[in-house]
C-alpha atoms as a PDB file:
ATOM      1  CA  MET A   1      -5.915  33.152 -16.774  1.00  0.00           C
ATOM      2  CA  LYS A   2      -8.264  30.220 -17.222  1.00  0.00           C
ATOM      3  CA  LYS A   3      -5.389  27.760 -16.777  1.00  0.00           C
ATOM      4  CA  ARG A   4      -4.330  29.476 -13.548  1.00  0.00           C
ATOM      5  CA  PHE A   5      -7.891  29.327 -12.242  1.00  0.00           C
ATOM      6  CA  MET A   6      -8.081  25.582 -12.962  1.00  0.00           C
ATOM      7  CA  ILE A   7      -4.786  24.982 -11.099  1.00  0.00           C
ATOM      8  CA  VAL A   8      -6.056  26.884  -8.058  1.00  0.00           C
ATOM      9  CA  LEU A   9      -9.366  24.989  -8.157  1.00  0.00           C
ATOM     10  CA  VAL A  10      -7.667  21.571  -8.383  1.00  0.00           C
ATOM     11  CA  THR A  11      -5.309  22.480  -5.539  1.00  0.00           C
ATOM     12  CA  PHE A  12      -8.227  23.618  -3.371  1.00  0.00           C
ATOM     13  CA  LEU A  13     -10.221  20.451  -4.012  1.00  0.00           C
ATOM     14  CA  THR A  14      -7.187  18.253  -3.390  1.00  0.00           C
ATOM     15  CA  LEU A  15      -6.467  19.899  -0.064  1.00  0.00           C
ATOM     16  CA  GLY A  16     -10.132  19.760   0.861  1.00  0.00           C
ATOM     17  CA  PHE A  17     -10.449  16.041   0.176  1.00  0.00           C
ATOM     18  CA  ALA A  18      -7.135  15.376   1.933  1.00  0.00           C
ATOM     19  CA  SER A  19      -8.357  17.122   5.073  1.00  0.00           C
ATOM     20  CA  LEU A  20     -11.583  15.120   5.013  1.00  0.00           C
ATOM     21  CA  ALA A  21      -9.699  11.833   4.572  1.00  0.00           C
ATOM     22  CA  SER A  22      -7.341  12.623   7.430  1.00  0.00           C
ATOM     23  CA  ALA A  23     -10.287  13.282   9.746  1.00  0.00           C
ATOM     24  CA  HIS A  24     -11.328   9.631   9.888  1.00  0.00           C
ATOM     25  CA  VAL A  25     -11.087   7.573  13.053  1.00  0.00           C
ATOM     26  CA  THR A  26      -7.975   5.441  12.553  1.00  0.00           C
ATOM     27  CA  VAL A  27      -6.006   2.765  14.377  1.00  0.00           C
ATOM     28  CA  GLN A  28      -2.209   2.724  14.285  1.00  0.00           C
ATOM     29  CA  PRO A  29       0.050   1.037  13.306  1.00  0.00           C
ATOM     30  CA  LYS A  30      -1.129   0.264   9.804  1.00  0.00           C
ATOM     31  CA  GLU A  31       1.023  -2.872   9.517  1.00  0.00           C
ATOM     32  CA  VAL A  32       2.050  -5.484  12.110  1.00  0.00           C
ATOM     33  CA  PRO A  33       3.686  -8.945  12.024  1.00  0.00           C
ATOM     34  CA  ALA A  34       1.620 -12.027  12.832  1.00  0.00           C
ATOM     35  CA  GLY A  35       2.144 -13.374  16.346  1.00  0.00           C
ATOM     36  CA  SER A  36       3.570 -10.080  17.633  1.00  0.00           C
ATOM     37  CA  TYR A  37       2.718  -8.060  20.724  1.00  0.00           C
ATOM     38  CA  GLN A  38       1.615  -4.548  19.793  1.00  0.00           C
ATOM     39  CA  VAL A  39       0.364  -1.275  21.210  1.00  0.00           C
ATOM     40  CA  PHE A  40      -2.548  -0.033  19.098  1.00  0.00           C
ATOM     41  CA  THR A  41      -3.491   3.647  19.105  1.00  0.00           C
ATOM     42  CA  VAL A  42      -7.038   4.732  18.265  1.00  0.00           C
ATOM     43  CA  ARG A  43      -6.928   8.308  16.929  1.00  0.00           C
ATOM     44  CA  VAL A  44     -10.238  10.169  17.128  1.00  0.00           C
ATOM     45  CA  PRO A  45     -10.710  13.650  15.589  1.00  0.00           C
ATOM     46  CA  THR A  46     -13.837  15.699  16.208  1.00  0.00           C
ATOM     47  CA  GLU A  47     -15.447  16.824  12.932  1.00  0.00           C
ATOM     48  CA  LYS A  48     -18.284  18.930  14.334  1.00  0.00           C
ATOM     49  CA  GLU A  49     -18.788  21.962  16.546  1.00  0.00           C
ATOM     50  CA  THR A  50     -20.240  19.519  19.068  1.00  0.00           C
ATOM     51  CA  ALA A  51     -17.798  17.589  21.253  1.00  0.00           C
ATOM     52  CA  THR A  52     -17.013  13.878  20.922  1.00  0.00           C
ATOM     53  CA  THR A  53     -18.100  12.254  24.177  1.00  0.00           C
ATOM     54  CA  GLN A  54     -17.838   8.514  23.469  1.00  0.00           C
ATOM     55  CA  VAL A  55     -15.866   6.164  21.239  1.00  0.00           C
ATOM     56  CA  LYS A  56     -16.556   2.453  20.827  1.00  0.00           C
ATOM     57  CA  VAL A  57     -14.164   0.143  18.991  1.00  0.00           C
ATOM     58  CA  ALA A  58     -14.992  -3.447  18.036  1.00  0.00           C
ATOM     59  CA  ILE A  59     -11.906  -5.615  18.520  1.00  0.00           C
ATOM     60  CA  PRO A  60     -11.181  -7.868  15.505  1.00  0.00           C
ATOM     61  CA  ASP A  61     -10.998 -11.644  15.888  1.00  0.00           C
ATOM     62  CA  GLY A  62      -7.355 -11.611  14.802  1.00  0.00           C
ATOM     63  CA  VAL A  63      -6.039  -9.826  17.888  1.00  0.00           C
ATOM     64  CA  ASP A  64      -6.258 -10.562  21.616  1.00  0.00           C
ATOM     65  CA  ILE A  65      -6.373  -7.251  23.516  1.00  0.00           C
ATOM     66  CA  LYS A  66      -5.485  -7.464  27.202  1.00  0.00           C
ATOM     67  CA  ARG A  67      -4.646  -3.979  28.536  1.00  0.00           C
ATOM     68  CA  PHE A  68      -5.681  -0.339  28.146  1.00  0.00           C
ATOM     69  CA  GLU A  69      -3.783   2.834  28.925  1.00  0.00           C
ATOM     70  CA  PRO A  70      -5.592   5.125  31.409  1.00  0.00           C
ATOM     71  CA  LYS A  71      -6.651   8.470  29.944  1.00  0.00           C
ATOM     72  CA  PRO A  72      -7.455  11.499  32.125  1.00  0.00           C
ATOM     73  CA  GLU A  73     -11.123  12.526  32.101  1.00  0.00           C
ATOM     74  CA  TRP A  74     -12.104   9.334  30.275  1.00  0.00           C
ATOM     75  CA  THR A  75     -13.330   5.963  31.538  1.00  0.00           C
ATOM     76  CA  TYR A  76     -13.642   2.741  29.582  1.00  0.00           C
ATOM     77  CA  GLU A  77     -15.875  -0.321  29.577  1.00  0.00           C
ATOM     78  CA  ILE A  78     -15.037  -3.647  27.960  1.00  0.00           C
ATOM     79  CA  GLU A  79     -17.181  -6.393  26.457  1.00  0.00           C
ATOM     80  CA  LYS A  80     -16.287 -10.094  26.355  1.00  0.00           C
ATOM     81  CA  ASN A  81     -17.651 -13.160  24.609  1.00  0.00           C
ATOM     82  CA  ALA A  82     -18.465 -16.519  26.215  1.00  0.00           C
ATOM     83  CA  ASP A  83     -14.798 -17.554  26.002  1.00  0.00           C
ATOM     84  CA  GLY A  84     -13.656 -14.466  27.895  1.00  0.00           C
ATOM     85  CA  LYS A  85     -12.064 -12.781  24.865  1.00  0.00           C
ATOM     86  CA  LEU A  86     -12.446  -9.011  24.652  1.00  0.00           C
ATOM     87  CA  THR A  87     -14.727  -8.088  21.763  1.00  0.00           C
ATOM     88  CA  ALA A  88     -15.196  -4.333  22.223  1.00  0.00           C
ATOM     89  CA  VAL A  89     -14.116  -1.355  24.301  1.00  0.00           C
ATOM     90  CA  THR A  90     -16.004   1.899  24.856  1.00  0.00           C
ATOM     91  CA  TRP A  91     -14.295   5.051  26.084  1.00  0.00           C
ATOM     92  CA  LYS A  92     -16.599   7.622  27.718  1.00  0.00           C
ATOM     93  CA  ALA A  93     -15.746  11.202  28.582  1.00  0.00           C
ATOM     94  CA  SER A  94     -16.182  12.141  32.226  1.00  0.00           C
ATOM     95  CA  GLY A  95     -15.469  15.773  31.337  1.00  0.00           C
ATOM     96  CA  ALA A  96     -16.151  17.950  28.313  1.00  0.00           C
ATOM     97  CA  GLY A  97     -14.899  15.435  25.743  1.00  0.00           C
ATOM     98  CA  LEU A  98     -13.043  16.338  22.539  1.00  0.00           C
ATOM     99  CA  GLY A  99     -13.961  19.789  21.237  1.00  0.00           C
ATOM    100  CA  ALA A 100     -14.324  21.019  17.657  1.00  0.00           C
ATOM    101  CA  THR A 101     -10.602  21.679  17.165  1.00  0.00           C
ATOM    102  CA  GLU A 102      -9.371  18.683  19.153  1.00  0.00           C
ATOM    103  CA  PHE A 103      -8.497  15.023  18.701  1.00  0.00           C
ATOM    104  CA  GLY A 104      -7.739  12.267  21.181  1.00  0.00           C
ATOM    105  CA  GLU A 105      -5.687   9.082  21.228  1.00  0.00           C
ATOM    106  CA  PHE A 106      -6.641   5.924  23.102  1.00  0.00           C
ATOM    107  CA  ARG A 107      -4.075   3.160  23.511  1.00  0.00           C
ATOM    108  CA  MET A 108      -4.460  -0.593  24.059  1.00  0.00           C
ATOM    109  CA  GLN A 109      -2.085  -3.545  24.069  1.00  0.00           C
ATOM    110  CA  GLY A 110      -2.490  -7.068  22.753  1.00  0.00           C
ATOM    111  CA  LYS A 111      -1.150  -9.934  20.666  1.00  0.00           C
ATOM    112  CA  VAL A 112      -1.806 -10.470  16.975  1.00  0.00           C
ATOM    113  CA  ALA A 113      -2.928 -13.990  16.071  1.00  0.00           C
ATOM    114  CA  GLU A 114      -0.522 -16.261  14.181  1.00  0.00           C
ATOM    115  CA  ASP A 115      -3.048 -16.824  11.382  1.00  0.00           C
ATOM    116  CA  ALA A 116      -4.350 -13.241  11.105  1.00  0.00           C
ATOM    117  CA  LYS A 117      -4.349 -11.629   7.643  1.00  0.00           C
ATOM    118  CA  GLU A 118      -5.734  -8.194   8.450  1.00  0.00           C
ATOM    119  CA  LEU A 119      -7.405  -6.416  11.352  1.00  0.00           C
ATOM    120  CA  VAL A 120     -10.567  -4.451  10.557  1.00  0.00           C
ATOM    121  CA  TRP A 121     -11.344  -1.961  13.337  1.00  0.00           C
ATOM    122  CA  LYS A 122     -14.999  -0.850  13.340  1.00  0.00           C
ATOM    123  CA  ALA A 123     -15.482   2.313  15.382  1.00  0.00           C
ATOM    124  CA  TYR A 124     -18.550   4.221  16.582  1.00  0.00           C
ATOM    125  CA  GLN A 125     -18.090   7.897  17.451  1.00  0.00           C
ATOM    126  CA  THR A 126     -20.758   9.557  19.605  1.00  0.00           C
ATOM    127  CA  TYR A 127     -21.219  13.332  19.817  1.00  0.00           C
ATOM    128  CA  ALA A 128     -22.730  15.378  22.623  1.00  0.00           C
ATOM    129  CA  ASP A 129     -25.860  16.037  20.539  1.00  0.00           C
ATOM    130  CA  GLY A 130     -26.525  12.289  20.332  1.00  0.00           C
ATOM    131  CA  GLU A 131     -25.335  11.683  16.774  1.00  0.00           C
ATOM    132  CA  ILE A 132     -23.401   8.440  16.253  1.00  0.00           C
ATOM    133  CA  VAL A 133     -20.994   8.243  13.325  1.00  0.00           C
ATOM    134  CA  GLU A 134     -20.239   4.657  12.317  1.00  0.00           C
ATOM    135  CA  TRP A 135     -16.753   4.133  10.897  1.00  0.00           C
ATOM    136  CA  THR A 136     -17.518   0.669   9.593  1.00  0.00           C
ATOM    137  CA  GLY A 137     -17.473   0.867   5.785  1.00  0.00           C
ATOM    138  CA  ALA A 138     -15.130  -0.423   3.106  1.00  0.00           C
ATOM    139  CA  ALA A 139     -11.914   1.373   2.209  1.00  0.00           C
ATOM    140  CA  ASP A 140     -13.633   3.478  -0.502  1.00  0.00           C
ATOM    141  CA  ALA A 141     -16.665   4.358   1.648  1.00  0.00           C
ATOM    142  CA  ASP A 142     -17.401   7.791   3.088  1.00  0.00           C
ATOM    143  CA  LYS A 143     -16.894   6.408   6.590  1.00  0.00           C
ATOM    144  CA  PRO A 144     -14.387   3.552   6.241  1.00  0.00           C
ATOM    145  CA  ALA A 145     -13.258   1.244   9.006  1.00  0.00           C
ATOM    146  CA  SER A 146      -9.565   1.446   9.809  1.00  0.00           C
ATOM    147  CA  VAL A 147      -7.566  -1.568   8.600  1.00  0.00           C
ATOM    148  CA  THR A 148      -4.248  -2.921   9.882  1.00  0.00           C
ATOM    149  CA  ALA A 149      -2.416  -5.238   7.485  1.00  0.00           C
ATOM    150  CA  VAL A 150      -0.779  -8.324   9.010  1.00  0.00           C
ATOM    151  CA  THR A 151       2.563  -9.427   7.562  1.00  0.00           C
ATOM    152  CA  ALA A 152       4.529 -12.646   8.028  1.00  0.00           C
ATOM    153  CA  ALA A 153       5.748 -13.395  11.536  1.00  0.00           C
ATOM    154  CA  THR A 154       9.225 -12.088  12.395  1.00  0.00           C
ATOM    155  CA  GLY A 155      10.113 -15.031  14.623  1.00  0.00           C
ATOM    156  CA  ASP A 156      10.932 -13.048  17.762  1.00  0.00           C
ATOM    157  CA  GLY A 157       7.323 -12.577  18.869  1.00  0.00           C
ATOM    158  CA  HIS A 158       7.928  -8.998  19.983  1.00  0.00           C
ATOM    159  CA  GLY A 159       6.735  -7.127  16.925  1.00  0.00           C
ATOM    160  CA  ASP A 160       7.972  -4.022  15.213  1.00  0.00           C
ATOM    161  CA  SER A 161       7.900  -1.838  18.319  1.00  0.00           C
ATOM    162  CA  HIS A 162      10.613  -3.844  20.082  1.00  0.00           C
ATOM    163  CA  GLY A 163      12.549  -4.419  16.878  1.00  0.00           C
ATOM    164  CA  ALA A 164      12.519  -0.740  16.045  1.00  0.00           C
ATOM    165  CA  ALA A 165      13.700   0.113  19.533  1.00  0.00           C
ATOM    166  CA  ASP A 166      16.548  -2.412  19.307  1.00  0.00           C
ATOM    167  CA  ALA A 167      17.540  -1.104  15.894  1.00  0.00           C
ATOM    168  CA  ALA A 168      17.473   2.461  17.139  1.00  0.00           C
ATOM    169  CA  THR A 169      19.622   1.547  20.135  1.00  0.00           C
ATOM    170  CA  ALA A 170      22.095  -0.266  17.907  1.00  0.00           C
ATOM    171  CA  GLY A 171      22.191   2.734  15.603  1.00  0.00           C
ATOM    172  CA  GLU A 172      22.831   5.075  18.509  1.00  0.00           C
ATOM    173  CA  ASP A 173      25.613   2.829  19.818  1.00  0.00           C
ATOM    174  CA  HIS A 174      27.201   2.705  16.366  1.00  0.00           C
ATOM    175  CA  GLU A 175      26.880   6.459  16.006  1.00  0.00           C
ATOM    176  CA  ASP A 176      28.376   7.052  19.454  1.00  0.00           C
ATOM    177  CA  GLY A 177      31.232   4.697  18.644  1.00  0.00           C
ATOM    178  CA  GLY A 178      31.901   6.566  15.443  1.00  0.00           C
ATOM    179  CA  ARG A 179      31.908   9.890  17.263  1.00  0.00           C
ATOM    180  CA  ASP A 180      34.319   8.523  19.901  1.00  0.00           C
ATOM    181  CA  THR A 181      36.742   7.289  17.212  1.00  0.00           C
ATOM    182  CA  LEU A 182      36.593  10.614  15.393  1.00  0.00           C
ATOM    183  CA  THR A 183      37.212  12.518  18.624  1.00  0.00           C
ATOM    184  CA  LEU A 184      40.221  10.337  19.430  1.00  0.00           C
ATOM    185  CA  CYS A 185      41.688  10.819  15.937  1.00  0.00           C
ATOM    186  CA  LEU A 186      41.226  14.585  16.133  1.00  0.00           C
ATOM    187  CA  ALA A 187      42.837  14.659  19.558  1.00  0.00           C
ATOM    188  CA  ILE A 188      45.878  12.687  18.302  1.00  0.00           C
ATOM    189  CA  ALA A 189      46.136  14.929  15.235  1.00  0.00           C
ATOM    190  CA  GLY A 190      45.989  17.983  17.466  1.00  0.00           C
ATOM    191  CA  LEU A 191      48.738  16.672  19.735  1.00  0.00           C
ATOM    192  CA  ALA A 192      50.884  15.818  16.721  1.00  0.00           C
ATOM    193  CA  ALA A 193      50.390  19.295  15.246  1.00  0.00           C
ATOM    194  CA  GLY A 194      51.225  20.892  18.586  1.00  0.00           C
ATOM    195  CA  ALA A 195      54.390  18.808  18.974  1.00  0.00           C
ATOM    196  CA  SER A 196      55.488  19.676  15.440  1.00  0.00           C
ATOM    197  CA  ALA A 197      54.957  23.380  16.058  1.00  0.00           C
ATOM    198  CA  LEU A 198      56.937  23.210  19.311  1.00  0.00           C
ATOM    199  CA  PHE A 199      59.797  21.339  17.614  1.00  0.00           C
ATOM    200  CA  ILE A 200      59.978  23.907  14.784  1.00  0.00           C
ATOM    201  CA  ALA A 201      59.938  26.811  17.242  1.00  0.00           C
ATOM    202  CA  LEU A 202      62.784  25.329  19.297  1.00  0.00           C
ATOM    203  CA  PHE A 203      64.792  24.551  16.174  1.00  0.00           C
ATOM    204  CA  ARG A 204      64.448  28.154  14.890  1.00  0.00           C
ATOM    205  CA  ARG A 205      65.353  29.518  18.314  1.00  0.00           C
ATOM    206  CA  ARG A 206      68.584  27.511  18.397  1.00  0.00           C
ATOM    207  CA  ALA A 207      69.398  28.495  14.852  1.00  0.00           C
END
C-alpha cells in the first residue's frame, strides 16, 4: 500500500512539474544552422486567470530579424539601435488578449549570423492586472529565457525549413513513384491472370 502511494505521488509531482515547465514562453525552433534564414515562433501561454495583454521579446545579437507575421487583434512595435538593427519587438493586444486557458504564437523572420553560437531570447509577459513576468533567467531558473542552439552552416543558406521541405517533396515523389510502379505491376499481373483463366476456359470447352 505504501509503495503504491509513493508511485502515485511521484507520478503526480512529475506531471505537475512537467506542466509548469511546458508553460514557459518559448521560441521555436530550438536549433538552427548558422547563416540560415529562419521563421521563429514565439509561443506564449497564459498562466493566470488574468489575460496576457502584451509580450516583448529582445532580439539577440546573433540574428537579424526583418519581418513579422500579422496577427489578428494584436499590433506590434519594434525598437532599433543606432545602426538600424532591430533589437526588440512588442506585441500588444487590441482585444481581450490571451485568456486563462489560451496561448498565442507570434512569428517573425530573419537571418542567423554566420558566427552565432546560440540565440538567447529574453521575453517579458504583461498581464491585464499589470504584472510583468520576466522570462530572462538561466536554463535552471524558475523563469528561464528560451535558447536556440546554432549549429554549423549547411552551405545552402536556406536553413532547415527549406531543406526539410525539399526532403519532404523528394520523399513524396519517391513514394508516388513507388506506388505507380506497384500499381503497374499489379495491373500486369491481373491481365496475365485473366488471360490465363480465359485460355484454360477455352481449352476445357474445346475438350
